[in-house]
C-alpha atoms as a PDB file:
ATOM      1  CA  MET A   1       1.453   4.789  -0.034  1.00  0.00           C
ATOM      2  CA  LEU A   2       5.216   4.893  -0.440  1.00  0.00           C
ATOM      3  CA  VAL A   3       5.158   3.246  -3.803  1.00  0.00           C
ATOM      4  CA  SER A   4       2.554   5.457  -5.037  1.00  0.00           C
ATOM      5  CA  VAL A   5       4.685   8.536  -4.062  1.00  0.00           C
ATOM      6  CA  LEU A   6       7.695   7.212  -5.748  1.00  0.00           C
ATOM      7  CA  GLN A   7       5.653   6.445  -8.949  1.00  0.00           C
ATOM      8  CA  THR A   8       4.123   9.951  -8.968  1.00  0.00           C
ATOM      9  CA  LEU A   9       7.586  11.618  -8.614  1.00  0.00           C
ATOM     10  CA  ALA A  10       8.990   9.398 -11.290  1.00  0.00           C
ATOM     11  CA  GLU A  11       6.270  10.278 -13.678  1.00  0.00           C
ATOM     12  CA  ILE A  12       6.726  14.228 -12.973  1.00  0.00           C
ATOM     13  CA  LEU A  13      10.633  13.901 -13.429  1.00  0.00           C
ATOM     14  CA  ALA A  14      10.527  11.770 -16.721  1.00  0.00           C
ATOM     15  CA  GLY A  15       7.949  14.252 -18.085  1.00  0.00           C
ATOM     16  CA  GLY A  16       9.743  17.397 -17.141  1.00  0.00           C
ATOM     17  CA  THR A  17      13.300  16.595 -17.878  1.00  0.00           C
ATOM     18  CA  SER A  18      15.330  15.197 -20.972  1.00  0.00           C
ATOM     19  CA  LEU A  19      14.470  11.725 -19.617  1.00  0.00           C
ATOM     20  CA  THR A  20      12.222   9.889 -22.171  1.00  0.00           C
ATOM     21  CA  SER A  21      10.600   7.473 -19.829  1.00  0.00           C
ATOM     22  CA  THR A  22      10.417   6.372 -16.137  1.00  0.00           C
ATOM     23  CA  GLU A  23      12.469   3.278 -16.875  1.00  0.00           C
ATOM     24  CA  GLN A  24      15.434   5.767 -16.717  1.00  0.00           C
ATOM     25  CA  ILE A  25      14.810   6.315 -13.030  1.00  0.00           C
ATOM     26  CA  ASP A  26      16.305   3.765 -10.514  1.00  0.00           C
ATOM     27  CA  PHE A  27      14.942   3.409  -7.028  1.00  0.00           C
ATOM     28  CA  SER A  28      17.691   1.182  -5.551  1.00  0.00           C
ATOM     29  CA  ARG A  29      20.413   2.685  -3.283  1.00  0.00           C
ATOM     30  CA  PRO A  30      22.622   4.918  -5.196  1.00  0.00           C
ATOM     31  CA  GLY A  31      25.974   3.435  -6.085  1.00  0.00           C
ATOM     32  CA  SER A  32      29.109   4.487  -7.928  1.00  0.00           C
ATOM     33  CA  ARG A  33      29.232   5.985 -11.440  1.00  0.00           C
ATOM     34  CA  ARG A  34      27.592   3.758 -14.083  1.00  0.00           C
ATOM     35  CA  ASP A  35      28.987   2.050 -16.786  1.00  0.00           C
ATOM     36  CA  GLU A  36      30.294   4.460 -19.667  1.00  0.00           C
ATOM     37  CA  GLY A  37      27.784   3.071 -22.059  1.00  0.00           C
ATOM     38  CA  THR A  38      24.661   3.727 -20.053  1.00  0.00           C
ATOM     39  CA  GLY A  39      22.708   6.706 -20.766  1.00  0.00           C
ATOM     40  CA  PRO A  40      21.474   9.466 -18.571  1.00  0.00           C
ATOM     41  CA  SER A  41      19.395   8.458 -15.578  1.00  0.00           C
ATOM     42  CA  LEU A  42      18.020   9.751 -12.124  1.00  0.00           C
ATOM     43  CA  ASN A  43      18.177   7.867  -8.853  1.00  0.00           C
ATOM     44  CA  LEU A  44      15.305   8.345  -6.632  1.00  0.00           C
ATOM     45  CA  TYR A  45      15.921   6.918  -3.266  1.00  0.00           C
ATOM     46  CA  PHE A  46      13.732   6.859  -0.226  1.00  0.00           C
ATOM     47  CA  TYR A  47      15.865   7.018   2.873  1.00  0.00           C
ATOM     48  CA  ASP A  48      13.850   8.256   5.847  1.00  0.00           C
ATOM     49  CA  ILE A  49      10.083   8.547   7.223  1.00  0.00           C
ATOM     50  CA  ARG A  50       9.059  10.257  10.390  1.00  0.00           C
ATOM     51  CA  GLU A  51       5.933  11.824  11.817  1.00  0.00           C
ATOM     52  CA  SER A  52       5.030  14.979  10.041  1.00  0.00           C
ATOM     53  CA  LYS A  53       5.521  18.325  11.676  1.00  0.00           C
ATOM     54  CA  GLN A  54       3.859  20.153   8.714  1.00  0.00           C
ATOM     55  CA  VAL A  55       0.359  18.298   8.622  1.00  0.00           C
ATOM     56  CA  GLN A  56      -1.089  16.720  11.879  1.00  0.00           C
ATOM     57  CA  HIS A  57      -4.496  15.230  11.616  1.00  0.00           C
ATOM     58  CA  SER A  58      -5.807  13.001  14.287  1.00  0.00           C
ATOM     59  CA  GLY A  59      -9.021  11.926  16.047  1.00  0.00           C
ATOM     60  CA  ARG A  60     -12.125  10.340  14.494  1.00  0.00           C
ATOM     61  CA  GLN A  61     -15.097  11.305  12.542  1.00  0.00           C
ATOM     62  CA  VAL A  62     -18.607   9.745  13.097  1.00  0.00           C
ATOM     63  CA  GLU A  63     -21.018   9.615  10.208  1.00  0.00           C
ATOM     64  CA  ARG A  64     -24.533   8.711  11.118  1.00  0.00           C
ATOM     65  CA  LYS A  65     -27.048   7.636   8.571  1.00  0.00           C
ATOM     66  CA  LEU A  66     -30.814   6.938   8.965  1.00  0.00           C
ATOM     67  CA  SER A  67     -32.250   3.950   7.263  1.00  0.00           C
ATOM     68  CA  GLU A  68     -34.493   4.750   4.317  1.00  0.00           C
ATOM     69  CA  GLY A  69     -37.183   2.249   5.389  1.00  0.00           C
ATOM     70  CA  ARG A  70     -40.175   3.354   7.620  1.00  0.00           C
ATOM     71  CA  SER A  71     -42.155   1.487  10.170  1.00  0.00           C
ATOM     72  CA  SER A  72     -45.549   0.454   9.296  1.00  0.00           C
ATOM     73  CA  THR A  73     -47.135   3.046  11.427  1.00  0.00           C
ATOM     74  CA  GLY A  74     -45.177   5.917   9.453  1.00  0.00           C
ATOM     75  CA  GLY A  75     -43.145   6.883  12.543  1.00  0.00           C
ATOM     76  CA  ALA A  76     -39.514   7.132  13.034  1.00  0.00           C
ATOM     77  CA  PRO A  77     -37.007   5.266  10.684  1.00  0.00           C
ATOM     78  CA  ARG A  78     -36.520   1.661  11.580  1.00  0.00           C
ATOM     79  CA  SER A  79     -32.810   1.884  12.283  1.00  0.00           C
ATOM     80  CA  GLN A  80     -29.747   4.051  12.531  1.00  0.00           C
ATOM     81  CA  THR A  81     -26.423   3.178  11.687  1.00  0.00           C
ATOM     82  CA  ALA A  82     -23.131   4.840  12.575  1.00  0.00           C
ATOM     83  CA  LYS A  83     -19.781   4.672  10.612  1.00  0.00           C
ATOM     84  CA  VAL A  84     -16.595   5.683  12.429  1.00  0.00           C
ATOM     85  CA  ASN A  85     -13.666   6.892  10.350  1.00  0.00           C
ATOM     86  CA  TRP A  86     -10.298   7.625  11.610  1.00  0.00           C
ATOM     87  CA  SER A  87      -8.600  10.588  10.004  1.00  0.00           C
ATOM     88  CA  PRO A  88      -5.247   9.590   8.564  1.00  0.00           C
ATOM     89  CA  ASP A  89      -1.748  10.050  10.161  1.00  0.00           C
ATOM     90  CA  TRP A  90       0.655  12.118   8.098  1.00  0.00           C
ATOM     91  CA  PHE A  91       4.341  11.202   7.843  1.00  0.00           C
ATOM     92  CA  ASP A  92       7.222  13.116   6.250  1.00  0.00           C
ATOM     93  CA  VAL A  93       8.883  10.993   3.636  1.00  0.00           C
ATOM     94  CA  SER A  94      12.507  12.026   2.817  1.00  0.00           C
ATOM     95  CA  LEU A  95      14.045  11.122  -0.626  1.00  0.00           C
ATOM     96  CA  LEU A  96      17.345  11.621  -2.108  1.00  0.00           C
ATOM     97  CA  ILE A  97      17.770  12.365  -6.034  1.00  0.00           C
ATOM     98  CA  THR A  98      21.103  11.898  -7.824  1.00  0.00           C
ATOM     99  CA  ALA A  99      21.852  12.149 -11.461  1.00  0.00           C
ATOM    100  CA  TRP A 100      24.057   9.915 -13.579  1.00  0.00           C
ATOM    101  CA  ASP A 101      25.397  10.314 -16.954  1.00  0.00           C
ATOM    102  CA  ARG A 102      28.515   9.598 -19.031  1.00  0.00           C
ATOM    103  CA  THR A 103      30.172  12.872 -18.022  1.00  0.00           C
ATOM    104  CA  ALA A 104      29.793  15.100 -14.987  1.00  0.00           C
ATOM    105  CA  LEU A 105      28.531  17.991 -17.064  1.00  0.00           C
ATOM    106  CA  GLY A 106      25.813  15.810 -18.329  1.00  0.00           C
ATOM    107  CA  GLU A 107      24.951  14.954 -14.677  1.00  0.00           C
ATOM    108  CA  TYR A 108      24.848  18.507 -13.531  1.00  0.00           C
ATOM    109  CA  HIS A 109      22.645  19.399 -16.637  1.00  0.00           C
ATOM    110  CA  LEU A 110      20.056  16.768 -15.658  1.00  0.00           C
ATOM    111  CA  LEU A 111      20.242  17.560 -11.954  1.00  0.00           C
ATOM    112  CA  THR A 112      19.454  21.173 -12.858  1.00  0.00           C
ATOM    113  CA  GLU A 113      16.338  19.965 -15.015  1.00  0.00           C
ATOM    114  CA  ALA A 114      15.135  17.969 -11.911  1.00  0.00           C
ATOM    115  CA  ILE A 115      15.497  20.865  -9.613  1.00  0.00           C
ATOM    116  CA  SER A 116      13.702  23.161 -12.076  1.00  0.00           C
ATOM    117  CA  VAL A 117      10.579  20.799 -12.513  1.00  0.00           C
ATOM    118  CA  LEU A 118      10.229  20.079  -8.901  1.00  0.00           C
ATOM    119  CA  LEU A 119      10.308  23.846  -8.124  1.00  0.00           C
ATOM    120  CA  ARG A 120       7.720  24.595 -10.583  1.00  0.00           C
ATOM    121  CA  HIS A 121       5.296  22.243  -8.801  1.00  0.00           C
ATOM    122  CA  ARG A 122       6.021  23.157  -5.141  1.00  0.00           C
ATOM    123  CA  SER A 123       3.471  20.774  -4.084  1.00  0.00           C
ATOM    124  CA  LEU A 124       2.238  17.389  -5.526  1.00  0.00           C
ATOM    125  CA  GLN A 125      -0.948  18.513  -7.267  1.00  0.00           C
ATOM    126  CA  GLU A 126      -3.711  15.877  -6.614  1.00  0.00           C
ATOM    127  CA  SER A 127      -4.260  15.603 -10.452  1.00  0.00           C
ATOM    128  CA  PHE A 128      -0.785  14.302 -10.683  1.00  0.00           C
ATOM    129  CA  LEU A 129      -1.101  11.677  -7.866  1.00  0.00           C
ATOM    130  CA  ALA A 130      -1.648   7.951  -7.990  1.00  0.00           C
ATOM    131  CA  PRO A 131      -5.178   7.051  -7.410  1.00  0.00           C
ATOM    132  CA  ASP A 132      -4.797   5.721  -3.776  1.00  0.00           C
ATOM    133  CA  LEU A 133      -3.097   9.123  -2.839  1.00  0.00           C
ATOM    134  CA  ARG A 134      -5.968  11.211  -4.005  1.00  0.00           C
ATOM    135  CA  GLY A 135      -8.796  12.618  -1.835  1.00  0.00           C
ATOM    136  CA  TYR A 136      -6.532  14.330   0.563  1.00  0.00           C
ATOM    137  CA  GLY A 137      -5.933  17.509  -1.555  1.00  0.00           C
ATOM    138  CA  ASN A 138      -2.277  18.601  -2.771  1.00  0.00           C
ATOM    139  CA  LEU A 139       0.477  16.861  -0.986  1.00  0.00           C
ATOM    140  CA  SER A 140       3.200  19.145   0.558  1.00  0.00           C
ATOM    141  CA  LEU A 141       6.549  19.026  -1.144  1.00  0.00           C
ATOM    142  CA  SER A 142       9.660  20.690  -0.051  1.00  0.00           C
ATOM    143  CA  VAL A 143      12.984  20.830  -2.218  1.00  0.00           C
ATOM    144  CA  SER A 144      16.174  21.388  -0.197  1.00  0.00           C
ATOM    145  CA  THR A 145      20.043  21.206  -0.631  1.00  0.00           C
ATOM    146  CA  ALA A 146      20.313  19.573   2.772  1.00  0.00           C
ATOM    147  CA  PRO A 147      18.583  16.370   4.058  1.00  0.00           C
ATOM    148  CA  ALA A 148      16.437  15.908   7.027  1.00  0.00           C
ATOM    149  CA  VAL A 149      19.264  14.206   8.767  1.00  0.00           C
ATOM    150  CA  GLU A 150      22.952  15.390   9.066  1.00  0.00           C
ATOM    151  CA  ILE A 151      24.215  15.181   5.535  1.00  0.00           C
ATOM    152  CA  GLY A 152      27.627  13.441   6.403  1.00  0.00           C
ATOM    153  CA  THR A 153      25.679  10.652   8.366  1.00  0.00           C
ATOM    154  CA  LEU A 154      23.495  10.023   5.490  1.00  0.00           C
ATOM    155  CA  TRP A 155      26.290   9.456   2.888  1.00  0.00           C
ATOM    156  CA  SER A 156      28.462   7.590   5.462  1.00  0.00           C
ATOM    157  CA  ALA A 157      25.376   5.248   5.986  1.00  0.00           C
ATOM    158  CA  LEU A 158      25.277   4.743   2.230  1.00  0.00           C
ATOM    159  CA  SER A 159      28.893   3.975   2.049  1.00  0.00           C
ATOM    160  CA  LEU A 160      29.345   6.568  -0.642  1.00  0.00           C
ATOM    161  CA  PRO A 161      31.413   9.622  -1.034  1.00  0.00           C
ATOM    162  CA  LEU A 162      29.394  12.925  -0.892  1.00  0.00           C
ATOM    163  CA  ARG A 163      28.030  14.028  -4.301  1.00  0.00           C
ATOM    164  CA  PRO A 164      25.632  16.602  -5.604  1.00  0.00           C
ATOM    165  CA  ALA A 165      22.175  15.701  -4.895  1.00  0.00           C
ATOM    166  CA  VAL A 166      18.617  16.950  -4.280  1.00  0.00           C
ATOM    167  CA  TYR A 167      16.711  16.279  -1.033  1.00  0.00           C
ATOM    168  CA  LEU A 168      12.837  16.202  -1.060  1.00  0.00           C
ATOM    169  CA  THR A 169      10.421  15.769   1.800  1.00  0.00           C
ATOM    170  CA  VAL A 170       6.881  14.744   0.986  1.00  0.00           C
ATOM    171  CA  ALA A 171       4.069  14.637   3.506  1.00  0.00           C
ATOM    172  CA  ILE A 172       1.821  11.771   2.694  1.00  0.00           C
ATOM    173  CA  PRO A 173      -1.199  10.276   4.776  1.00  0.00           C
ATOM    174  CA  PHE A 174      -1.523   6.867   6.088  1.00  0.00           C
ATOM    175  CA  GLU A 175      -5.016   5.408   6.934  1.00  0.00           C
ATOM    176  CA  PRO A 176      -5.356   3.434  10.005  1.00  0.00           C
ATOM    177  CA  GLN A 177      -7.746   1.033   8.264  1.00  0.00           C
ATOM    178  CA  SER A 178      -6.948   0.516   4.523  1.00  0.00           C
ATOM    179  CA  ALA A 179      -9.802   0.307   2.140  1.00  0.00           C
ATOM    180  CA  VAL A 180     -10.606  -3.293   1.310  1.00  0.00           C
ATOM    181  CA  ALA A 181     -13.166  -4.916  -0.970  1.00  0.00           C
ATOM    182  CA  PRO A 182     -16.435  -5.366   0.699  1.00  0.00           C
ATOM    183  CA  ARG A 183     -16.460  -9.200   0.321  1.00  0.00           C
ATOM    184  CA  VAL A 184     -13.526  -9.168   2.558  1.00  0.00           C
ATOM    185  CA  TRP A 185     -14.857  -6.854   5.240  1.00  0.00           C
ATOM    186  CA  GLU A 186     -18.163  -8.679   5.168  1.00  0.00           C
ATOM    187  CA  ARG A 187     -18.649 -12.323   4.109  1.00  0.00           C
ATOM    188  CA  ILE A 188     -21.918 -12.778   2.247  1.00  0.00           C
ATOM    189  CA  ILE A 189     -23.091 -16.469   2.858  1.00  0.00           C
ATOM    190  CA  ASN A 190     -25.805 -18.022   0.835  1.00  0.00           C
ATOM    191  CA  LEU A 191     -27.767 -20.412   3.006  1.00  0.00           C
ATOM    192  CA  HIS A 192     -30.806 -22.534   2.378  1.00  0.00           C
ATOM    193  CA  SER A 193     -33.384 -22.145   5.134  1.00  0.00           C
ATOM    194  CA  ASP A 194     -35.356 -25.527   5.843  1.00  0.00           C
ATOM    195  CA  TRP A 195     -38.142 -23.469   7.193  1.00  0.00           C
ATOM    196  CA  ASN A 196     -38.394 -21.313   4.071  1.00  0.00           C
ATOM    197  CA  ARG A 197     -41.382 -22.813   2.335  1.00  0.00           C
ATOM    198  CA  SER A 198     -40.734 -20.979  -1.036  1.00  0.00           C
ATOM    199  CA  GLY A 199     -37.527 -23.056  -1.242  1.00  0.00           C
ATOM    200  CA  GLN A 200     -35.492 -19.692  -1.741  1.00  0.00           C
ATOM    201  CA  SER A 201     -32.069 -19.335  -0.447  1.00  0.00           C
ATOM    202  CA  GLN A 202     -31.419 -16.670   2.216  1.00  0.00           C
ATOM    203  CA  LEU A 203     -28.416 -14.295   2.196  1.00  0.00           C
ATOM    204  CA  LEU A 204     -26.609 -13.629   5.479  1.00  0.00           C
ATOM    205  CA  THR A 205     -23.970 -11.140   6.072  1.00  0.00           C
ATOM    206  CA  ARG A 206     -21.210 -11.934   8.761  1.00  0.00           C
ATOM    207  CA  ARG A 207     -18.147 -10.075   9.966  1.00  0.00           C
ATOM    208  CA  VAL A 208     -14.909 -11.822   9.361  1.00  0.00           C
ATOM    209  CA  ALA A 209     -11.736 -11.385  11.594  1.00  0.00           C
ATOM    210  CA  MET A 210      -9.237 -12.451   9.088  1.00  0.00           C
ATOM    211  CA  ALA A 211      -9.310 -12.867   5.338  1.00  0.00           C
ATOM    212  CA  GLY A 212      -6.723 -13.269   2.613  1.00  0.00           C
ATOM    213  CA  ILE A 213      -6.022 -14.414  -0.997  1.00  0.00           C
ATOM    214  CA  VAL A 214      -3.471 -17.116  -2.061  1.00  0.00           C
ATOM    215  CA  LYS A 215      -1.499 -16.536  -5.272  1.00  0.00           C
ATOM    216  CA  HIS A 216       1.074 -18.088  -7.270  1.00  0.00           C
ATOM    217  CA  ALA A 217       4.514 -16.452  -6.606  1.00  0.00           C
ATOM    218  CA  VAL A 218       5.387 -16.196 -10.329  1.00  0.00           C
ATOM    219  CA  THR A 219       1.995 -15.774 -12.258  1.00  0.00           C
ATOM    220  CA  ALA A 220       0.188 -14.047  -9.470  1.00  0.00           C
ATOM    221  CA  GLN A 221      -2.753 -16.068 -10.377  1.00  0.00           C
ATOM    222  CA  PRO A 222      -5.223 -17.185  -7.455  1.00  0.00           C
ATOM    223  CA  LEU A 223      -4.599 -20.564  -5.965  1.00  0.00           C
ATOM    224  CA  PRO A 224      -7.940 -22.429  -5.065  1.00  0.00           C
ATOM    225  CA  ASP A 225      -7.956 -25.509  -2.732  1.00  0.00           C
ATOM    226  CA  THR A 226      -5.015 -24.488  -0.555  1.00  0.00           C
ATOM    227  CA  ALA A 227      -5.236 -25.647   3.061  1.00  0.00           C
ATOM    228  CA  VAL A 228      -4.974 -22.732   5.458  1.00  0.00           C
ATOM    229  CA  THR A 229      -4.500 -23.476   9.289  1.00  0.00           C
ATOM    230  CA  VAL A 230      -4.324 -21.014  12.074  1.00  0.00           C
ATOM    231  CA  VAL A 231      -1.499 -22.466  14.379  1.00  0.00           C
ATOM    232  CA  ASP A 232      -2.562 -23.494  17.881  1.00  0.00           C
ATOM    233  CA  THR A 233      -6.303 -23.116  17.190  1.00  0.00           C
ATOM    234  CA  ASP A 234      -8.988 -25.356  15.654  1.00  0.00           C
ATOM    235  CA  LYS A 235      -9.333 -22.909  12.759  1.00  0.00           C
ATOM    236  CA  ARG A 236      -8.891 -24.587   9.282  1.00  0.00           C
ATOM    237  CA  THR A 237     -10.117 -23.726   5.877  1.00  0.00           C
ATOM    238  CA  VAL A 238      -9.547 -24.128   2.149  1.00  0.00           C
ATOM    239  CA  SER A 239      -9.128 -21.204  -0.256  1.00  0.00           C
ATOM    240  CA  ASP A 240     -12.135 -20.989  -2.815  1.00  0.00           C
ATOM    241  CA  ARG A 241     -11.958 -20.829  -6.542  1.00  0.00           C
ATOM    242  CA  ASP A 242     -10.819 -17.238  -6.189  1.00  0.00           C
ATOM    243  CA  GLY A 243      -7.943 -18.045  -3.814  1.00  0.00           C
ATOM    244  CA  LEU A 244      -9.731 -16.334  -0.919  1.00  0.00           C
ATOM    245  CA  PHE A 245     -10.108 -17.742   2.577  1.00  0.00           C
ATOM    246  CA  PHE A 246     -11.879 -16.408   5.608  1.00  0.00           C
ATOM    247  CA  PHE A 247     -11.838 -16.811   9.362  1.00  0.00           C
ATOM    248  CA  GLU A 248     -14.377 -15.790  11.922  1.00  0.00           C
ATOM    249  CA  ASP A 249     -14.585 -15.410  15.622  1.00  0.00           C
ATOM    250  CA  LEU A 250     -10.922 -14.723  16.478  1.00  0.00           C
ATOM    251  CA  ARG A 251      -9.870 -12.782  19.449  1.00  0.00           C
ATOM    252  CA  ASP A 252      -7.457  -9.852  19.056  1.00  0.00           C
ATOM    253  CA  GLY A 253      -3.876 -10.974  18.995  1.00  0.00           C
ATOM    254  CA  ASN A 254      -0.928 -12.343  16.703  1.00  0.00           C
ATOM    255  CA  TYR A 255      -1.634 -15.344  14.698  1.00  0.00           C
ATOM    256  CA  VAL A 256       0.433 -17.765  12.549  1.00  0.00           C
ATOM    257  CA  LEU A 257      -1.097 -19.221   9.397  1.00  0.00           C
ATOM    258  CA  ASN A 258       0.186 -22.351   7.765  1.00  0.00           C
ATOM    259  CA  LEU A 259      -0.506 -22.736   4.120  1.00  0.00           C
ATOM    260  CA  GLN A 260      -0.151 -25.989   2.179  1.00  0.00           C
ATOM    261  CA  ARG A 261      -1.112 -27.096  -1.536  1.00  0.00           C
ATOM    262  CA  PRO A 262       0.225 -30.077  -3.320  1.00  0.00           C
ATOM    263  CA  GLY A 263       3.179 -29.137  -5.557  1.00  0.00           C
ATOM    264  CA  TYR A 264       4.017 -25.942  -3.501  1.00  0.00           C
ATOM    265  CA  SER A 265       6.412 -25.235  -0.646  1.00  0.00           C
ATOM    266  CA  LEU A 266       4.880 -24.976   2.820  1.00  0.00           C
ATOM    267  CA  GLN A 267       4.293 -21.233   3.591  1.00  0.00           C
ATOM    268  CA  SER A 268       3.911 -19.704   7.131  1.00  0.00           C
ATOM    269  CA  CYS A 269       2.533 -16.180   7.511  1.00  0.00           C
ATOM    270  CA  ASN A 270       2.082 -13.804  10.633  1.00  0.00           C
ATOM    271  CA  VAL A 271      -1.167 -12.067  10.883  1.00  0.00           C
ATOM    272  CA  LEU A 272      -2.209  -9.368  13.463  1.00  0.00           C
ATOM    273  CA  VAL A 273      -5.928  -9.245  14.491  1.00  0.00           C
ATOM    274  CA  ASP A 274      -6.640  -5.894  16.306  1.00  0.00           C
ATOM    275  CA  GLY A 275     -10.462  -5.402  16.162  1.00  0.00           C
ATOM    276  CA  SER A 276     -10.920  -4.750  12.521  1.00  0.00           C
ATOM    277  CA  SER A 277     -11.035  -7.076   9.509  1.00  0.00           C
ATOM    278  CA  VAL A 278      -7.424  -8.061   8.364  1.00  0.00           C
ATOM    279  CA  PHE A 279      -6.678  -8.808   4.694  1.00  0.00           C
ATOM    280  CA  LYS A 280      -3.422 -10.674   3.696  1.00  0.00           C
ATOM    281  CA  GLU A 281      -2.103 -11.378   0.143  1.00  0.00           C
ATOM    282  CA  ILE A 282       0.053 -14.532   0.532  1.00  0.00           C
ATOM    283  CA  VAL A 283       2.138 -16.110  -2.316  1.00  0.00           C
ATOM    284  CA  LEU A 284       2.986 -19.775  -2.584  1.00  0.00           C
ATOM    285  CA  VAL A 285       6.323 -20.810  -4.373  1.00  0.00           C
ATOM    286  CA  PRO A 286       6.062 -23.963  -6.558  1.00  0.00           C
ATOM    287  CA  ASN A 287       8.393 -26.745  -6.003  1.00  0.00           C
ATOM    288  CA  PRO A 288      11.322 -27.023  -8.524  1.00  0.00           C
ATOM    289  CA  SER A 289      10.092 -30.175  -9.998  1.00  0.00           C
ATOM    290  CA  THR A 290       6.648 -28.712 -10.643  1.00  0.00           C
ATOM    291  CA  SER A 291       7.578 -25.111 -11.682  1.00  0.00           C
END
């Protein structure tokens, strides 16, 4: 969510100011004046997050759905399923915008453009948002000349002298359970039943407690045949051709995974299992001799 907010703001600022592309917007900690040879740029720095006082949604929603199938007697539906959805928690994300250019007047002009385009929006319209931020309506956006924390404390923490800046606060949602591909939430296993005289396979669906994908650290390509072990248990598996691995029947708690593959450095990863399916993306770094 945080990355999506930064991307959305960068696109708005690049499109409404004299900047020509989002590549002229920097997200690292703001530093001192840039080299004289650099062109105009904006620095968009995320410095604080706290529970939102503007938007407070909590609780859960239960959606019940009757199955379409009917019993042979034509009576009530065969089954009823219930899906529990927790409404998102909202957080206020605080951001700092500073302008950089070859001259002070150039910086003031760019900062004026940034303030103007942000005030025109007043809120982040849903149509401007990144895909994973849509579905919640427009997001609250406040533009201020003072930060959410004491201004001197903020700049002292940055080890920088106080300079002209714009302070933004955006209320964004965080889902307790992120949407994950169905193959991760429920593993479909193709089994051949000995008692099935037709010789056809049988599809079973099982809940998984933990799932993940192993990727190459540089190319981001999936890595099959990676040995994955849950430390201090008898749970072991190997990633499939898509780099995916699954573990079932794990109690809630913290676990450590060890991942090994020839030609790659040993990787350890912490995983929290808390009653819902967990998905982890893990990268392996090739050994220097094989990279």
